Amino acid sequence: MKTLWLIVVAALLALAYYEFAYDRKITHAPGILAPNAPQQISLAQSRLWEKDEYRITALAQFSLEARVLSKERYWFGREADLSPVDLALGWGPLSDQNVLDRLKISQNGRRYFWWGRPLPLPAEQIYAHSANMHILPVNEEIENLLDQICHGDVVTLQGYLVAVQAGDGWRWRSSLSRTDRGDGSCEVVWVESLSIR
């Protein structure tokens, strides 16, 4: 009985440490940290990858530098097989601490939410300078880097916006716009390079 109790306590302490480390937030002095919009380049030739039972098709080359507004880990569901982490990312005015201090940001159910009273910027600017991105790491090294990312970090990533299909017909497709909203508006990003600054 004592051994079981020690195992439970150790598991709870490990979980508490993981949640603390995972949810750590970094603040910065006011000012835009990631001034440029994401870069999206049409492909002259299609690219395909296979991962487990999934076929991944490149839709566009994609790169960005952005501030992490929120990070959510997913353990269950088909999408989690490919994308264990979603990053809500902001650039331009949405990378400025002065703006972010006046917004509340959260993620849930593979979606990203923001609100504020009053809003620090017009809603259209917030939509145009932020996005929820489903991150598909191409290897274990990038998956480990995803675990190290904290709310407030500035990240640079390169890869592709993709469409995913399984043999049974299941599909998941990236948005190709930074200004759309609602279902289907998130980016599905096959990440080949990732760095944190």
Protein backbone atom coordinates (compact mmCIF):
# COMPACT_ATOMS: atom_id res chain seq x y z
CA MET A 1 0.00 0.00 0.00
CA LYS A 2 2.85 2.36 0.88
CA THR A 3 4.54 1.64 -2.49
CA LEU A 4 1.33 2.44 -4.38
CA TRP A 5 0.97 5.69 -2.44
CA LEU A 6 4.56 6.69 -3.31
CA ILE A 7 3.94 5.94 -7.00
CA VAL A 8 0.80 8.09 -7.00
CA VAL A 9 2.59 11.00 -5.27
CA ALA A 10 5.55 10.75 -7.68
CA ALA A 11 3.19 10.72 -10.68
CA LEU A 12 1.31 13.77 -9.37
CA LEU A 13 4.56 15.66 -8.76
CA ALA A 14 5.80 14.79 -12.26
CA LEU A 15 2.50 15.96 -13.77
CA ALA A 16 2.58 19.21 -11.78
CA TYR A 17 6.16 19.90 -12.91
CA TYR A 18 5.27 19.14 -16.54
CA GLU A 19 2.25 21.47 -16.44
CA PHE A 20 4.31 24.23 -14.82
CA ALA A 21 7.13 23.93 -17.35
CA TYR A 22 4.72 23.54 -20.24
CA ASP A 23 2.63 26.60 -19.34
CA ARG A 24 5.54 28.91 -18.54
CA LYS A 25 5.00 32.38 -20.03
CA ILE A 26 7.63 34.81 -21.26
CA THR A 27 6.99 38.56 -21.39
CA HIS A 28 8.95 41.16 -23.35
CA ALA A 29 9.34 44.91 -23.40
CA PRO A 30 6.79 46.70 -25.61
CA GLY A 31 7.57 46.66 -29.32
CA ILE A 32 6.99 44.48 -32.37
CA LEU A 33 9.17 41.35 -32.21
CA ALA A 34 8.14 39.68 -35.48
CA PRO A 35 7.38 42.42 -38.01
CA ASN A 36 6.87 40.40 -41.18
CA ALA A 37 3.84 38.48 -42.40
CA PRO A 38 4.24 34.75 -43.14
CA GLN A 39 5.67 33.90 -46.54
CA GLN A 40 3.69 31.52 -48.75
CA ILE A 41 5.02 30.41 -52.15
CA SER A 42 3.07 28.41 -54.72
CA LEU A 43 4.69 25.17 -55.82
CA ALA A 44 5.82 24.53 -59.38
CA GLN A 45 5.85 20.80 -58.61
CA SER A 46 3.88 18.84 -56.04
CA ARG A 47 5.59 17.08 -53.12
CA LEU A 48 4.29 14.02 -51.29
CA TRP A 49 5.22 12.28 -48.05
CA GLU A 50 3.96 9.18 -46.26
CA LYS A 51 3.71 9.07 -42.48
CA ASP A 52 2.25 5.94 -40.92
CA GLU A 53 -1.13 5.47 -42.66
CA TYR A 54 -1.30 9.07 -43.90
CA ARG A 55 -0.46 10.61 -47.25
CA ILE A 56 0.69 14.24 -46.97
CA THR A 57 0.56 16.54 -50.00
CA ALA A 58 2.27 19.93 -50.09
CA LEU A 59 -0.03 22.80 -51.09
CA ALA A 60 2.45 25.69 -50.72
CA GLN A 61 5.89 26.40 -49.32
CA PHE A 62 5.55 28.26 -46.02
CA SER A 63 7.78 30.13 -43.58
CA LEU A 64 7.31 32.62 -40.79
CA GLU A 65 8.77 34.26 -37.74
CA ALA A 66 6.10 34.83 -35.09
CA ARG A 67 5.44 35.18 -31.40
CA VAL A 68 3.78 32.30 -29.57
CA LEU A 69 0.46 33.59 -28.24
CA SER A 70 -0.64 30.23 -26.88
CA LYS A 71 0.34 26.57 -27.08
CA GLU A 72 -1.89 23.54 -26.68
CA ARG A 73 -0.83 19.89 -26.51
CA TYR A 74 -3.17 17.20 -27.84
CA TRP A 75 -2.96 13.55 -26.81
CA PHE A 76 -6.06 11.99 -28.35
CA GLY A 77 -7.84 12.01 -31.67
CA ARG A 78 -6.74 11.30 -35.17
CA GLU A 79 -5.12 14.71 -35.61
CA ALA A 80 -2.88 14.07 -32.59
CA ASP A 81 -1.24 11.18 -34.49
CA LEU A 82 0.24 13.80 -36.80
CA SER A 83 0.10 17.08 -34.89
CA PRO A 84 0.74 16.81 -31.14
CA VAL A 85 0.88 20.59 -30.69
CA ASP A 86 -1.07 23.61 -31.94
CA LEU A 87 0.58 27.01 -31.80
CA ALA A 88 -1.44 30.22 -31.86
CA LEU A 89 1.04 32.61 -33.48
CA GLY A 90 1.11 36.38 -33.93
CA TRP A 91 3.19 38.71 -36.08
CA GLY A 92 3.28 42.47 -36.67
CA PRO A 93 1.17 44.18 -33.98
CA LEU A 94 0.21 40.77 -32.55
CA SER A 95 3.84 40.25 -31.50
CA ASP A 96 3.84 43.46 -29.40
CA GLN A 97 3.62 43.00 -25.63
CA ASN A 98 1.70 46.28 -25.34
CA VAL A 99 -1.09 44.85 -27.52
CA LEU A 100 -1.02 41.37 -26.00
CA ASP A 101 -1.32 42.71 -22.46
CA ARG A 102 -4.81 43.90 -23.44
CA LEU A 103 -5.98 40.61 -24.97
CA LYS A 104 -7.00 37.31 -23.41
CA ILE A 105 -5.98 34.34 -25.58
CA SER A 106 -6.83 30.65 -25.30
CA GLN A 107 -6.98 27.46 -27.33
CA ASN A 108 -9.42 24.59 -27.17
CA GLY A 109 -10.64 21.89 -29.53
CA ARG A 110 -8.02 22.77 -32.17
CA ARG A 111 -9.24 26.37 -32.23
CA TYR A 112 -7.75 29.69 -31.06
CA PHE A 113 -9.80 32.35 -29.26
CA TRP A 114 -9.14 35.96 -28.25
CA TRP A 115 -11.17 38.65 -26.52
CA GLY A 116 -10.70 42.00 -24.82
CA ARG A 117 -12.74 44.97 -23.59
CA PRO A 118 -11.97 47.20 -25.30
CA LEU A 119 -9.98 45.52 -28.05
CA PRO A 120 -6.47 47.00 -28.42
CA LEU A 121 -6.82 46.85 -32.24
CA PRO A 122 -9.69 46.52 -34.69
CA ALA A 123 -10.80 42.89 -34.95
CA GLU A 124 -9.82 42.74 -38.63
CA GLN A 125 -6.19 43.50 -37.71
CA ILE A 126 -6.17 40.79 -35.06
CA TYR A 127 -7.51 38.25 -37.55
CA ALA A 128 -4.97 39.34 -40.19
CA HIS A 129 -1.95 39.15 -37.85
CA SER A 130 -2.53 35.89 -36.01
CA ALA A 131 -3.48 32.29 -36.69
CA ASN A 132 -3.86 28.90 -35.07
CA MET A 133 -1.43 26.45 -36.66
CA HIS A 134 -1.53 22.66 -36.42
CA ILE A 135 2.14 21.69 -36.33
CA LEU A 136 3.18 18.41 -38.01
CA PRO A 137 6.82 17.80 -37.02
CA VAL A 138 8.78 15.84 -39.64
CA ASN A 139 11.05 14.19 -37.06
CA GLU A 140 11.65 13.62 -33.36
CA GLU A 141 14.09 16.53 -33.10
CA ILE A 142 11.41 19.02 -34.13
CA GLU A 143 8.86 17.31 -31.87
CA ASN A 144 11.27 17.75 -28.94
CA LEU A 145 11.71 21.44 -29.83
CA LEU A 146 7.92 21.84 -29.78
CA ASP A 147 7.92 20.63 -26.18
CA GLN A 148 10.44 23.37 -25.28
CA ILE A 149 8.42 26.25 -26.73
CA CYS A 150 6.83 28.57 -24.19
CA HIS A 151 4.04 31.13 -24.44
CA GLY A 152 5.84 34.35 -25.44
CA ASP A 153 8.73 32.79 -27.35
CA VAL A 154 9.53 34.00 -30.84
CA VAL A 155 9.82 31.08 -33.25
CA THR A 156 10.95 30.70 -36.83
CA LEU A 157 9.65 27.79 -38.86
CA GLN A 158 9.89 26.58 -42.43
CA GLY A 159 8.01 23.87 -44.23
CA TYR A 160 4.79 23.43 -46.19
CA LEU A 161 1.09 23.99 -45.87
CA VAL A 162 -0.37 20.55 -46.52
CA ALA A 163 -3.39 18.39 -47.12
CA VAL A 164 -3.53 15.03 -45.33
CA GLN A 165 -5.49 11.97 -46.38
CA ALA A 166 -5.85 8.49 -44.89
CA GLY A 167 -6.76 5.30 -46.74
CA ASP A 168 -10.26 5.26 -45.23
CA GLY A 169 -11.06 8.70 -46.70
CA TRP A 170 -10.32 10.84 -43.63
CA ARG A 171 -8.95 14.26 -44.66
CA TRP A 172 -7.37 17.33 -43.08
CA ARG A 173 -6.55 20.36 -45.23
CA SER A 174 -4.66 23.57 -44.49
CA SER A 175 -6.05 27.02 -45.07
CA LEU A 176 -4.12 28.98 -47.68
CA SER A 177 -5.25 32.40 -46.36
CA ARG A 178 -4.28 34.41 -43.29
CA THR A 179 -7.57 36.31 -43.19
CA ASP A 180 -10.20 33.56 -43.21
CA ARG A 181 -12.18 32.56 -40.09
CA GLY A 182 -14.10 29.64 -38.67
CA ASP A 183 -13.86 25.95 -39.54
CA GLY A 184 -11.07 25.19 -41.99
CA SER A 185 -9.26 28.48 -41.36
CA CYS A 186 -6.29 27.02 -39.48
CA GLU A 187 -2.98 26.22 -41.11
CA VAL A 188 -1.80 22.60 -41.21
CA VAL A 189 1.98 22.96 -41.34
CA TRP A 190 4.49 20.22 -42.20
CA VAL A 191 7.48 21.67 -40.31
CA GLU A 192 10.96 20.83 -41.60
CA SER A 193 12.87 23.50 -39.68
CA LEU A 194 12.11 25.12 -36.31
CA SER A 195 14.09 27.46 -34.08
CA ILE A 196 13.32 29.41 -30.91
CA ARG A 197 14.79 32.78 -29.96
